[in-house]
């Protein structure tokens, strides 16, 4: 994504600074559940699948991925995610994270004309 806009607070890269990314071994995993833990030196993010979305699960949540990073990388990731969500909401409207409010008709959506 060479034309991707950088989130606020990041240093612009020099046009001369170019690198390649090898996606030959990348895997894609869907997640609808996460857990954040850590140590004083590292942040640990676990991702998995909750088969009973919106409910207290009676089945085990199957963890599929664990990412361990230092807090500097986590802060840069936080900035990039914040930027991506803001950009999405500017095009498509606010995202309601409360499932119950999303299920109610009209909740989290601006009132239409009339």
PDB file of N, CA and C in Angstrom:
ATOM      1  N   UNK A   1       0.835  -1.173   0.000  1.00  0.00           N
ATOM      2  CA  UNK A   1       0.000   0.000   0.000  1.00  0.00           C
ATOM      3  C   UNK A   1       0.879   1.235   0.000  1.00  0.00           C
ATOM      4  N   UNK A   2       1.447   1.513  -1.109  1.00  0.00           N
ATOM      5  CA  UNK A   2       2.389   2.618  -1.203  1.00  0.00           C
ATOM      6  C   UNK A   2       1.733   3.963  -1.017  1.00  0.00           C
ATOM      7  N   UNK A   3       0.438   4.102  -1.360  1.00  0.00           N
ATOM      8  CA  UNK A   3      -0.218   5.396  -1.247  1.00  0.00           C
ATOM      9  C   UNK A   3      -1.010   5.553   0.040  1.00  0.00           C
ATOM     10  N   UNK A   4      -0.789   4.682   1.005  1.00  0.00           N
ATOM     11  CA  UNK A   4      -1.527   4.734   2.264  1.00  0.00           C
ATOM     12  C   UNK A   4      -1.123   5.975   3.057  1.00  0.00           C
ATOM     13  N   UNK A   5      -2.106   6.656   3.612  1.00  0.00           N
ATOM     14  CA  UNK A   5      -1.870   7.845   4.418  1.00  0.00           C
ATOM     15  C   UNK A   5      -1.383   7.428   5.795  1.00  0.00           C
ATOM     16  N   UNK A   6      -0.385   8.122   6.305  1.00  0.00           N
ATOM     17  CA  UNK A   6       0.170   7.816   7.617  1.00  0.00           C
ATOM     18  C   UNK A   6      -0.700   8.407   8.713  1.00  0.00           C
ATOM     19  N   UNK A   7      -0.901   7.661   9.843  1.00  0.00           N
ATOM     20  CA  UNK A   7      -1.647   8.221  10.961  1.00  0.00           C
ATOM     21  C   UNK A   7      -0.891   9.374  11.594  1.00  0.00           C
ATOM     22  N   UNK A   8      -1.648  10.241  12.268  1.00  0.00           N
ATOM     23  CA  UNK A   8      -1.033  11.375  12.949  1.00  0.00           C
ATOM     24  C   UNK A   8      -0.030  10.877  13.971  1.00  0.00           C
ATOM     25  N   UNK A   9       1.026  11.627  14.146  1.00  0.00           N
ATOM     26  CA  UNK A   9       2.010  11.287  15.163  1.00  0.00           C
ATOM     27  C   UNK A   9       3.108  10.375  14.648  1.00  0.00           C
ATOM     28  N   UNK A  10       3.019   9.890  13.421  1.00  0.00           N
ATOM     29  CA  UNK A  10       4.086   9.061  12.883  1.00  0.00           C
ATOM     30  C   UNK A  10       4.991   9.922  12.027  1.00  0.00           C
ATOM     31  N   UNK A  11       6.227   9.519  11.928  1.00  0.00           N
ATOM     32  CA  UNK A  11       7.202  10.258  11.138  1.00  0.00           C
ATOM     33  C   UNK A  11       7.007   9.924   9.665  1.00  0.00           C
ATOM     34  N   UNK A  12       6.992  10.945   8.803  1.00  0.00           N
ATOM     35  CA  UNK A  12       6.890  10.651   7.372  1.00  0.00           C
ATOM     36  C   UNK A  12       8.142   9.932   6.904  1.00  0.00           C
ATOM     37  N   UNK A  13       7.970   9.007   5.971  1.00  0.00           N
ATOM     38  CA  UNK A  13       9.125   8.294   5.448  1.00  0.00           C
ATOM     39  C   UNK A  13       9.680   9.048   4.259  1.00  0.00           C
ATOM     40  N   UNK A  14      10.965   8.952   4.088  1.00  0.00           N
ATOM     41  CA  UNK A  14      11.632   9.597   2.966  1.00  0.00           C
ATOM     42  C   UNK A  14      11.285   8.842   1.692  1.00  0.00           C
ATOM     43  N   UNK A  15      11.088   9.569   0.560  1.00  0.00           N
ATOM     44  CA  UNK A  15      10.807   8.876  -0.694  1.00  0.00           C
ATOM     45  C   UNK A  15      11.908   7.892  -1.076  1.00  0.00           C
ATOM     46  N   UNK A  16      13.150   8.147  -0.638  1.00  0.00           N
ATOM     47  CA  UNK A  16      14.257   7.260  -0.956  1.00  0.00           C
ATOM     48  C   UNK A  16      14.201   5.972  -0.135  1.00  0.00           C
ATOM     49  N   UNK A  17      13.477   5.990   1.009  1.00  0.00           N
ATOM     50  CA  UNK A  17      13.399   4.824   1.878  1.00  0.00           C
ATOM     51  C   UNK A  17      12.317   3.879   1.349  1.00  0.00           C
ATOM     52  N   UNK A  18      12.736   2.803   0.703  1.00  0.00           N
ATOM     53  CA  UNK A  18      11.798   1.839   0.171  1.00  0.00           C
ATOM     54  C   UNK A  18      12.193   0.455   0.653  1.00  0.00           C
ATOM     55  N   UNK A  19      11.210  -0.389   0.836  1.00  0.00           N
ATOM     56  CA  UNK A  19      11.468  -1.755   1.249  1.00  0.00           C
ATOM     57  C   UNK A  19      10.408  -2.649   0.625  1.00  0.00           C
ATOM     58  N   UNK A  20      10.719  -3.917   0.552  1.00  0.00           N
ATOM     59  CA  UNK A  20       9.766  -4.871  -0.002  1.00  0.00           C
ATOM     60  C   UNK A  20       9.204  -5.721   1.126  1.00  0.00           C
ATOM     61  N   UNK A  21       7.993  -6.197   0.924  1.00  0.00           N
ATOM     62  CA  UNK A  21       7.324  -7.044   1.905  1.00  0.00           C
ATOM     63  C   UNK A  21       6.986  -8.364   1.217  1.00  0.00           C
ATOM     64  N   UNK A  22       7.424  -9.468   1.794  1.00  0.00           N
ATOM     65  CA  UNK A  22       7.159 -10.792   1.248  1.00  0.00           C
ATOM     66  C   UNK A  22       5.914 -11.364   1.921  1.00  0.00           C
ATOM     67  N   UNK A  23       4.826 -11.497   1.178  1.00  0.00           N
ATOM     68  CA  UNK A  23       3.579 -12.048   1.725  1.00  0.00           C
ATOM     69  C   UNK A  23       3.376 -13.510   1.320  1.00  0.00           C
ATOM     70  N   UNK A  24       4.426 -14.147   0.865  1.00  0.00           N
ATOM     71  CA  UNK A  24       4.332 -15.518   0.383  1.00  0.00           C
ATOM     72  C   UNK A  24       3.906 -16.531   1.443  1.00  0.00           C
ATOM     73  N   UNK A  25       4.182 -16.266   2.702  1.00  0.00           N
ATOM     74  CA  UNK A  25       3.871 -17.228   3.762  1.00  0.00           C
ATOM     75  C   UNK A  25       2.811 -16.718   4.729  1.00  0.00           C
ATOM     76  N   UNK A  26       2.083 -15.683   4.339  1.00  0.00           N
ATOM     77  CA  UNK A  26       1.093 -15.086   5.229  1.00  0.00           C
ATOM     78  C   UNK A  26      -0.158 -15.966   5.305  1.00  0.00           C
ATOM     79  N   UNK A  27      -0.747 -16.027   6.482  1.00  0.00           N
ATOM     80  CA  UNK A  27      -2.023 -16.717   6.654  1.00  0.00           C
ATOM     81  C   UNK A  27      -3.035 -15.714   7.176  1.00  0.00           C
ATOM     82  N   UNK A  28      -4.288 -15.937   6.858  1.00  0.00           N
ATOM     83  CA  UNK A  28      -5.359 -15.064   7.310  1.00  0.00           C
ATOM     84  C   UNK A  28      -6.241 -15.848   8.259  1.00  0.00           C
ATOM     85  N   UNK A  29      -6.558 -15.247   9.385  1.00  0.00           N
ATOM     86  CA  UNK A  29      -7.411 -15.871  10.385  1.00  0.00           C
ATOM     87  C   UNK A  29      -8.464 -14.874  10.814  1.00  0.00           C
ATOM     88  N   UNK A  30      -9.722 -15.307  10.890  1.00  0.00           N
ATOM     89  CA  UNK A  30     -10.793 -14.450  11.378  1.00  0.00           C
ATOM     90  C   UNK A  30     -10.826 -14.523  12.899  1.00  0.00           C
ATOM     91  N   UNK A  31     -11.091 -13.399  13.543  1.00  0.00           N
ATOM     92  CA  UNK A  31     -11.231 -13.382  14.995  1.00  0.00           C
ATOM     93  C   UNK A  31     -12.414 -12.508  15.381  1.00  0.00           C
ATOM     94  N   UNK A  32     -13.133 -12.920  16.420  1.00  0.00           N
ATOM     95  CA  UNK A  32     -14.190 -12.085  16.988  1.00  0.00           C
ATOM     96  C   UNK A  32     -14.038 -12.000  18.506  1.00  0.00           C
ATOM     97  N   UNK A  33     -12.864 -12.415  18.997  1.00  0.00           N
ATOM     98  CA  UNK A  33     -12.583 -12.392  20.432  1.00  0.00           C
ATOM     99  C   UNK A  33     -11.095 -12.126  20.614  1.00  0.00           C
ATOM    100  N   UNK A  34     -10.752 -11.386  21.660  1.00  0.00           N
ATOM    101  CA  UNK A  34      -9.349 -11.111  21.951  1.00  0.00           C
ATOM    102  C   UNK A  34      -9.142 -11.014  23.452  1.00  0.00           C
ATOM    103  N   UNK A  35      -7.897 -11.177  23.855  1.00  0.00           N
ATOM    104  CA  UNK A  35      -7.494 -11.000  25.256  1.00  0.00           C
ATOM    105  C   UNK A  35      -6.157 -10.287  25.247  1.00  0.00           C
ATOM    106  N   UNK A  36      -6.016  -9.288  26.104  1.00  0.00           N
ATOM    107  CA  UNK A  36      -4.774  -8.530  26.209  1.00  0.00           C
ATOM    108  C   UNK A  36      -4.176  -8.777  27.583  1.00  0.00           C
ATOM    109  N   UNK A  37      -2.966  -9.287  27.611  1.00  0.00           N
ATOM    110  CA  UNK A  37      -2.220  -9.485  28.851  1.00  0.00           C
ATOM    111  C   UNK A  37      -0.803  -8.995  28.596  1.00  0.00           C
ATOM    112  N   UNK A  38       0.064  -9.151  29.570  1.00  0.00           N
ATOM    113  CA  UNK A  38       1.431  -8.729  29.307  1.00  0.00           C
ATOM    114  C   UNK A  38       2.310  -8.770  30.524  1.00  0.00           C
ATOM    115  N   UNK A  39       3.509  -8.316  30.296  1.00  0.00           N
ATOM    116  CA  UNK A  39       4.529  -8.194  31.325  1.00  0.00           C
ATOM    117  C   UNK A  39       4.980  -6.735  31.306  1.00  0.00           C
ATOM    118  N   UNK A  40       5.841  -6.326  32.217  1.00  0.00           N
ATOM    119  CA  UNK A  40       6.339  -4.950  32.140  1.00  0.00           C
ATOM    120  C   UNK A  40       7.078  -4.633  30.842  1.00  0.00           C
ATOM    121  N   UNK A  41       7.582  -5.649  30.147  1.00  0.00           N
ATOM    122  CA  UNK A  41       8.353  -5.424  28.928  1.00  0.00           C
ATOM    123  C   UNK A  41       7.572  -5.674  27.646  1.00  0.00           C
ATOM    124  N   UNK A  42       6.523  -6.505  27.695  1.00  0.00           N
ATOM    125  CA  UNK A  42       5.858  -6.935  26.470  1.00  0.00           C
ATOM    126  C   UNK A  42       4.344  -6.961  26.626  1.00  0.00           C
ATOM    127  N   UNK A  43       3.678  -6.788  25.520  1.00  0.00           N
ATOM    128  CA  UNK A  43       2.228  -6.881  25.448  1.00  0.00           C
ATOM    129  C   UNK A  43       1.899  -8.185  24.723  1.00  0.00           C
ATOM    130  N   UNK A  44       0.943  -8.938  25.232  1.00  0.00           N
ATOM    131  CA  UNK A  44       0.551 -10.215  24.637  1.00  0.00           C
ATOM    132  C   UNK A  44      -0.901 -10.107  24.208  1.00  0.00           C
ATOM    133  N   UNK A  45      -1.141 -10.321  22.914  1.00  0.00           N
ATOM    134  CA  UNK A  45      -2.484 -10.279  22.350  1.00  0.00           C
ATOM    135  C   UNK A  45      -2.854 -11.684  21.889  1.00  0.00           C
ATOM    136  N   UNK A  46      -3.914 -12.243  22.452  1.00  0.00           N
ATOM    137  CA  UNK A  46      -4.437 -13.540  22.028  1.00  0.00           C
ATOM    138  C   UNK A  46      -5.712 -13.294  21.240  1.00  0.00           C
ATOM    139  N   UNK A  47      -5.867 -14.007  20.131  1.00  0.00           N
ATOM    140  CA  UNK A  47      -7.047 -13.883  19.289  1.00  0.00           C
ATOM    141  C   UNK A  47      -7.685 -15.246  19.125  1.00  0.00           C
ATOM    142  N   UNK A  48      -9.013 -15.262  19.028  1.00  0.00           N
ATOM    143  CA  UNK A  48      -9.703 -16.525  18.866  1.00  0.00           C
ATOM    144  C   UNK A  48     -11.091 -16.344  18.316  1.00  0.00           C
ATOM    145  N   UNK A  49     -11.831 -17.438  18.337  1.00  0.00           N
ATOM    146  CA  UNK A  49     -13.180 -17.459  17.798  1.00  0.00           C
ATOM    147  C   UNK A  49     -14.156 -17.860  18.890  1.00  0.00           C
ATOM    148  N   UNK A  50     -15.112 -16.971  19.173  1.00  0.00           N
ATOM    149  CA  UNK A  50     -16.201 -17.261  20.103  1.00  0.00           C
ATOM    150  C   UNK A  50     -17.379 -17.702  19.249  1.00  0.00           C
ATOM    151  N   UNK A  51     -17.743 -18.998  19.274  1.00  0.00           N
ATOM    152  CA  UNK A  51     -18.822 -19.479  18.416  1.00  0.00           C
ATOM    153  C   UNK A  51     -20.197 -18.975  18.838  1.00  0.00           C
ATOM    154  N   UNK A  52     -20.299 -18.362  20.012  1.00  0.00           N
ATOM    155  CA  UNK A  52     -21.584 -17.893  20.534  1.00  0.00           C
ATOM    156  C   UNK A  52     -21.550 -16.382  20.698  1.00  0.00           C
ATOM    157  N   UNK A  53     -21.352 -15.665  19.598  1.00  0.00           N
ATOM    158  CA  UNK A  53     -21.251 -14.205  19.624  1.00  0.00           C
ATOM    159  C   UNK A  53     -22.345 -13.567  20.466  1.00  0.00           C
ATOM    160  N   UNK A  54     -21.965 -12.618  21.313  1.00  0.00           N
ATOM    161  CA  UNK A  54     -22.919 -11.844  22.067  1.00  0.00           C
ATOM    162  C   UNK A  54     -23.475 -12.539  23.292  1.00  0.00           C
ATOM    163  N   UNK A  55     -23.001 -13.717  23.578  1.00  0.00           N
ATOM    164  CA  UNK A  55     -23.500 -14.454  24.740  1.00  0.00           C
ATOM    165  C   UNK A  55     -22.318 -14.853  25.610  1.00  0.00           C
ATOM    166  N   UNK A  56     -22.625 -15.251  26.835  1.00  0.00           N
ATOM    167  CA  UNK A  56     -21.586 -15.836  27.676  1.00  0.00           C
ATOM    168  C   UNK A  56     -21.347 -17.235  27.116  1.00  0.00           C
ATOM    169  N   UNK A  57     -20.142 -17.522  26.646  1.00  0.00           N
ATOM    170  CA  UNK A  57     -19.922 -18.789  25.959  1.00  0.00           C
ATOM    171  C   UNK A  57     -20.051 -20.003  26.878  1.00  0.00           C
ATOM    172  N   UNK A  58     -20.692 -21.028  26.369  1.00  0.00           N
ATOM    173  CA  UNK A  58     -20.750 -22.314  27.077  1.00  0.00           C
ATOM    174  C   UNK A  58     -19.705 -23.260  26.488  1.00  0.00           C
ATOM    175  N   UNK A  59     -19.239 -22.958  25.269  1.00  0.00           N
ATOM    176  CA  UNK A  59     -18.148 -23.697  24.644  1.00  0.00           C
ATOM    177  C   UNK A  59     -16.854 -22.934  24.871  1.00  0.00           C
ATOM    178  N   UNK A  60     -15.752 -23.649  24.795  1.00  0.00           N
ATOM    179  CA  UNK A  60     -14.449 -22.988  24.912  1.00  0.00           C
ATOM    180  C   UNK A  60     -14.214 -22.068  23.727  1.00  0.00           C
ATOM    181  N   UNK A  61     -13.582 -20.942  23.996  1.00  0.00           N
ATOM    182  CA  UNK A  61     -13.148 -20.053  22.925  1.00  0.00           C
ATOM    183  C   UNK A  61     -11.845 -20.629  22.390  1.00  0.00           C
ATOM    184  N   UNK A  62     -11.798 -20.840  21.102  1.00  0.00           N
ATOM    185  CA  UNK A  62     -10.638 -21.473  20.485  1.00  0.00           C
ATOM    186  C   UNK A  62      -9.627 -20.403  20.077  1.00  0.00           C
ATOM    187  N   UNK A  63      -8.518 -20.340  20.817  1.00  0.00           N
ATOM    188  CA  UNK A  63      -7.477 -19.382  20.478  1.00  0.00           C
ATOM    189  C   UNK A  63      -6.734 -19.856  19.240  1.00  0.00           C
ATOM    190  N   UNK A  64      -6.500 -18.934  18.309  1.00  0.00           N
ATOM    191  CA  UNK A  64      -5.848 -19.296  17.057  1.00  0.00           C
ATOM    192  C   UNK A  64      -4.537 -18.562  16.832  1.00  0.00           C
ATOM    193  N   UNK A  65      -4.363 -17.402  17.440  1.00  0.00           N
ATOM    194  CA  UNK A  65      -3.156 -16.607  17.207  1.00  0.00           C
ATOM    195  C   UNK A  65      -2.727 -15.921  18.498  1.00  0.00           C
ATOM    196  N   UNK A  66      -1.422 -15.805  18.677  1.00  0.00           N
ATOM    197  CA  UNK A  66      -0.857 -15.008  19.786  1.00  0.00           C
ATOM    198  C   UNK A  66       0.210 -14.109  19.186  1.00  0.00           C
ATOM    199  N   UNK A  67       0.116 -12.831  19.505  1.00  0.00           N
ATOM    200  CA  UNK A  67       1.109 -11.860  19.054  1.00  0.00           C
ATOM    201  C   UNK A  67       1.738 -11.246  20.292  1.00  0.00           C
ATOM    202  N   UNK A  68       3.053 -11.264  20.346  1.00  0.00           N
ATOM    203  CA  UNK A  68       3.794 -10.671  21.457  1.00  0.00           C
ATOM    204  C   UNK A  68       4.612  -9.524  20.878  1.00  0.00           C
ATOM    205  N   UNK A  69       4.490  -8.354  21.490  1.00  0.00           N
ATOM    206  CA  UNK A  69       5.230  -7.182  20.996  1.00  0.00           C
ATOM    207  C   UNK A  69       5.663  -6.313  22.161  1.00  0.00           C
ATOM    208  N   UNK A  70       6.652  -5.464  21.902  1.00  0.00           N
ATOM    209  CA  UNK A  70       7.065  -4.521  22.931  1.00  0.00           C
ATOM    210  C   UNK A  70       6.070  -3.359  22.947  1.00  0.00           C
ATOM    211  N   UNK A  71       6.126  -2.550  23.975  1.00  0.00           N
ATOM    212  CA  UNK A  71       5.155  -1.467  24.127  1.00  0.00           C
ATOM    213  C   UNK A  71       5.349  -0.343  23.114  1.00  0.00           C
ATOM    214  N   UNK A  72       6.539  -0.163  22.571  1.00  0.00           N
ATOM    215  CA  UNK A  72       6.748   0.838  21.538  1.00  0.00           C
ATOM    216  C   UNK A  72       6.000   0.441  20.263  1.00  0.00           C
ATOM    217  N   UNK A  73       6.117  -0.830  19.901  1.00  0.00           N
ATOM    218  CA  UNK A  73       5.393  -1.322  18.735  1.00  0.00           C
ATOM    219  C   UNK A  73       3.890  -1.270  18.995  1.00  0.00           C
ATOM    220  N   UNK A  74       3.466  -1.612  20.212  1.00  0.00           N
ATOM    221  CA  UNK A  74       2.040  -1.572  20.555  1.00  0.00           C
ATOM    222  C   UNK A  74       1.487  -0.158  20.426  1.00  0.00           C
ATOM    223  N   UNK A  75       2.262   0.840  20.828  1.00  0.00           N
ATOM    224  CA  UNK A  75       1.789   2.215  20.731  1.00  0.00           C
ATOM    225  C   UNK A  75       1.670   2.653  19.272  1.00  0.00           C
ATOM    226  N   UNK A  76       2.610   2.240  18.441  1.00  0.00           N
ATOM    227  CA  UNK A  76       2.508   2.559  17.016  1.00  0.00           C
ATOM    228  C   UNK A  76       1.309   1.840  16.390  1.00  0.00           C
ATOM    229  N   UNK A  77       1.065   0.590  16.795  1.00  0.00           N
ATOM    230  CA  UNK A  77      -0.100  -0.153  16.310  1.00  0.00           C
ATOM    231  C   UNK A  77      -1.386   0.525  16.763  1.00  0.00           C
ATOM    232  N   UNK A  78      -1.442   0.973  18.011  1.00  0.00           N
ATOM    233  CA  UNK A  78      -2.608   1.683  18.517  1.00  0.00           C
ATOM    234  C   UNK A  78      -2.912   2.904  17.661  1.00  0.00           C
ATOM    235  N   UNK A  79      -1.879   3.670  17.325  1.00  0.00           N
ATOM    236  CA  UNK A  79      -2.058   4.857  16.493  1.00  0.00           C
ATOM    237  C   UNK A  79      -2.583   4.479  15.112  1.00  0.00           C
ATOM    238  N   UNK A  80      -2.021   3.439  14.512  1.00  0.00           N
ATOM    239  CA  UNK A  80      -2.447   3.020  13.177  1.00  0.00           C
ATOM    240  C   UNK A  80      -3.883   2.497  13.193  1.00  0.00           C
ATOM    241  N   UNK A  81      -4.262   1.729  14.218  1.00  0.00           N
ATOM    242  CA  UNK A  81      -5.631   1.224  14.323  1.00  0.00           C
ATOM    243  C   UNK A  81      -6.615   2.365  14.554  1.00  0.00           C
ATOM    244  N   UNK A  82      -6.235   3.319  15.398  1.00  0.00           N
ATOM    245  CA  UNK A  82      -7.095   4.472  15.663  1.00  0.00           C
ATOM    246  C   UNK A  82      -7.353   5.234  14.365  1.00  0.00           C
ATOM    247  N   UNK A  83      -6.296   5.453  13.589  1.00  0.00           N
ATOM    248  CA  UNK A  83      -6.417   6.144  12.315  1.00  0.00           C
ATOM    249  C   UNK A  83      -7.339   5.369  11.366  1.00  0.00           C
ATOM    250  N   UNK A  84      -7.168   4.048  11.279  1.00  0.00           N
ATOM    251  CA  UNK A  84      -7.970   3.228  10.367  1.00  0.00           C
ATOM    252  C   UNK A  84      -9.447   3.247  10.756  1.00  0.00           C
ATOM    253  N   UNK A  85      -9.751   3.164  12.048  1.00  0.00           N
ATOM    254  CA  UNK A  85     -11.145   3.186  12.497  1.00  0.00           C
ATOM    255  C   UNK A  85     -11.758   4.567  12.258  1.00  0.00           C
ATOM    256  N   UNK A  86     -11.022   5.632  12.536  1.00  0.00           N
ATOM    257  CA  UNK A  86     -11.535   6.980  12.266  1.00  0.00           C
ATOM    258  C   UNK A  86     -11.848   7.166  10.792  1.00  0.00           C
ATOM    259  N   UNK A  87     -10.967   6.695   9.924  1.00  0.00           N
ATOM    260  CA  UNK A  87     -11.183   6.816   8.486  1.00  0.00           C
ATOM    261  C   UNK A  87     -12.426   6.017   8.071  1.00  0.00           C
ATOM    262  N   UNK A  88     -12.596   4.803   8.603  1.00  0.00           N
ATOM    263  CA  UNK A  88     -13.774   3.984   8.296  1.00  0.00           C
ATOM    264  C   UNK A  88     -15.049   4.699   8.739  1.00  0.00           C
ATOM    265  N   UNK A  89     -15.045   5.229   9.973  1.00  0.00           N
ATOM    266  CA  UNK A  89     -16.228   5.906  10.492  1.00  0.00           C
ATOM    267  C   UNK A  89     -16.537   7.183   9.714  1.00  0.00           C
ATOM    268  N   UNK A  90     -15.520   7.850   9.189  1.00  0.00           N
ATOM    269  CA  UNK A  90     -15.790   9.061   8.417  1.00  0.00           C
ATOM    270  C   UNK A  90     -16.525   8.732   7.115  1.00  0.00           C
ATOM    271  N   UNK A  91     -16.325   7.548   6.586  1.00  0.00           N
ATOM    272  CA  UNK A  91     -17.015   7.134   5.355  1.00  0.00           C
ATOM    273  C   UNK A  91     -18.346   6.453   5.633  1.00  0.00           C
ATOM    274  N   UNK A  92     -18.421   5.633   6.685  1.00  0.00           N
ATOM    275  CA  UNK A  92     -19.573   4.761   6.890  1.00  0.00           C
ATOM    276  C   UNK A  92     -20.379   5.045   8.150  1.00  0.00           C
ATOM    277  N   UNK A  93     -19.959   5.985   8.972  1.00  0.00           N
ATOM    278  CA  UNK A  93     -20.673   6.304  10.203  1.00  0.00           C
ATOM    279  C   UNK A  93     -20.057   5.620  11.411  1.00  0.00           C
ATOM    280  N   UNK A  94     -20.502   6.063  12.575  1.00  0.00           N
ATOM    281  CA  UNK A  94     -19.956   5.565  13.839  1.00  0.00           C
ATOM    282  C   UNK A  94     -20.212   4.077  14.003  1.00  0.00           C
ATOM    283  N   UNK A  95     -19.231   3.387  14.570  1.00  0.00           N
ATOM    284  CA  UNK A  95     -19.352   1.962  14.863  1.00  0.00           C
ATOM    285  C   UNK A  95     -19.825   1.802  16.308  1.00  0.00           C
ATOM    286  N   UNK A  96     -20.929   1.122  16.505  1.00  0.00           N
ATOM    287  CA  UNK A  96     -21.439   0.851  17.851  1.00  0.00           C
ATOM    288  C   UNK A  96     -20.852  -0.477  18.320  1.00  0.00           C
ATOM    289  N   UNK A  97     -20.097  -0.461  19.415  1.00  0.00           N
ATOM    290  CA  UNK A  97     -19.467  -1.692  19.895  1.00  0.00           C
ATOM    291  C   UNK A  97     -20.356  -2.474  20.851  1.00  0.00           C
ATOM    292  N   UNK A  98     -21.412  -1.863  21.373  1.00  0.00           N
ATOM    293  CA  UNK A  98     -22.359  -2.557  22.254  1.00  0.00           C
ATOM    294  C   UNK A  98     -23.337  -3.351  21.387  1.00  0.00           C
ATOM    295  N   UNK A  99     -23.245  -4.679  21.449  1.00  0.00           N
ATOM    296  CA  UNK A  99     -24.076  -5.538  20.602  1.00  0.00           C
ATOM    297  C   UNK A  99     -25.557  -5.282  20.843  1.00  0.00           C
ATOM    298  N   UNK A 100     -25.969  -5.080  22.080  1.00  0.00           N
ATOM    299  CA  UNK A 100     -27.385  -4.861  22.387  1.00  0.00           C
ATOM    300  C   UNK A 100     -27.901  -3.587  21.719  1.00  0.00           C
ATOM    301  N   UNK A 101     -27.099  -2.543  21.706  1.00  0.00           N
ATOM    302  CA  UNK A 101     -27.521  -1.299  21.049  1.00  0.00           C
ATOM    303  C   UNK A 101     -27.581  -1.469  19.540  1.00  0.00           C
ATOM    304  N   UNK A 102     -26.705  -2.316  18.988  1.00  0.00           N
ATOM    305  CA  UNK A 102     -26.734  -2.559  17.539  1.00  0.00           C
ATOM    306  C   UNK A 102     -27.983  -3.326  17.141  1.00  0.00           C
ATOM    307  N   UNK A 103     -28.476  -4.182  18.021  1.00  0.00           N
ATOM    308  CA  UNK A 103     -29.632  -5.018  17.694  1.00  0.00           C
ATOM    309  C   UNK A 103     -30.943  -4.249  17.731  1.00  0.00           C
ATOM    310  N   UNK A 104     -31.000  -3.146  18.496  1.00  0.00           N
ATOM    311  CA  UNK A 104     -32.215  -2.333  18.549  1.00  0.00           C
ATOM    312  C   UNK A 104     -32.347  -1.515  17.280  1.00  0.00           C
ATOM    313  N   UNK A 105     -33.539  -1.493  16.684  1.00  0.00           N
ATOM    314  CA  UNK A 105     -33.717  -0.726  15.442  1.00  0.00           C
ATOM    315  C   UNK A 105     -33.340   0.742  15.650  1.00  0.00           C
ATOM    316  N   UNK A 106     -32.513   1.251  14.744  1.00  0.00           N
ATOM    317  CA  UNK A 106     -32.140   2.661  14.770  1.00  0.00           C
ATOM    318  C   UNK A 106     -31.047   3.012  15.763  1.00  0.00           C
ATOM    319  N   UNK A 107     -30.648   2.081  16.613  1.00  0.00           N
ATOM    320  CA  UNK A 107     -29.623   2.393  17.611  1.00  0.00           C
ATOM    321  C   UNK A 107     -28.285   2.600  16.927  1.00  0.00           C
ATOM    322  N   UNK A 108     -27.614   3.669  17.276  1.00  0.00           N
ATOM    323  CA  UNK A 108     -26.300   3.950  16.739  1.00  0.00           C
ATOM    324  C   UNK A 108     -26.307   4.480  15.320  1.00  0.00           C
ATOM    325  N   UNK A 109     -27.483   4.679  14.737  1.00  0.00           N
ATOM    326  CA  UNK A 109     -27.564   5.208  13.376  1.00  0.00           C
ATOM    327  C   UNK A 109     -28.225   6.576  13.425  1.00  0.00           C
ATOM    328  N   UNK A 110     -27.755   7.488  12.620  1.00  0.00           N
ATOM    329  CA  UNK A 110     -28.398   8.797  12.601  1.00  0.00           C
ATOM    330  C   UNK A 110     -29.820   8.686  12.069  1.00  0.00           C
ATOM    331  N   UNK A 111     -30.701   9.525  12.567  1.00  0.00           N
ATOM    332  CA  UNK A 111     -32.101   9.511  12.108  1.00  0.00           C
ATOM    333  C   UNK A 111     -32.159   9.925  10.654  1.00  0.00           C
ATOM    334  N   UNK A 112     -32.999   9.240   9.906  1.00  0.00           N
ATOM    335  CA  UNK A 112     -33.143   9.538   8.490  1.00  0.00           C
ATOM    336  C   UNK A 112     -34.042  10.746   8.283  1.00  0.00           C
ATOM    337  N   UNK A 113     -34.134  11.227   7.056  1.00  0.00           N
ATOM    338  CA  UNK A 113     -34.992  12.385   6.773  1.00  0.00           C
ATOM    339  C   UNK A 113     -36.466  12.043   6.998  1.00  0.00           C
ATOM    340  N   UNK A 114     -37.234  13.022   7.427  1.00  0.00           N
ATOM    341  CA  UNK A 114     -38.671  12.858   7.556  1.00  0.00           C
ATOM    342  C   UNK A 114     -39.047  12.624   8.917  1.00  0.00           C
TER     343      UNK A 114
END
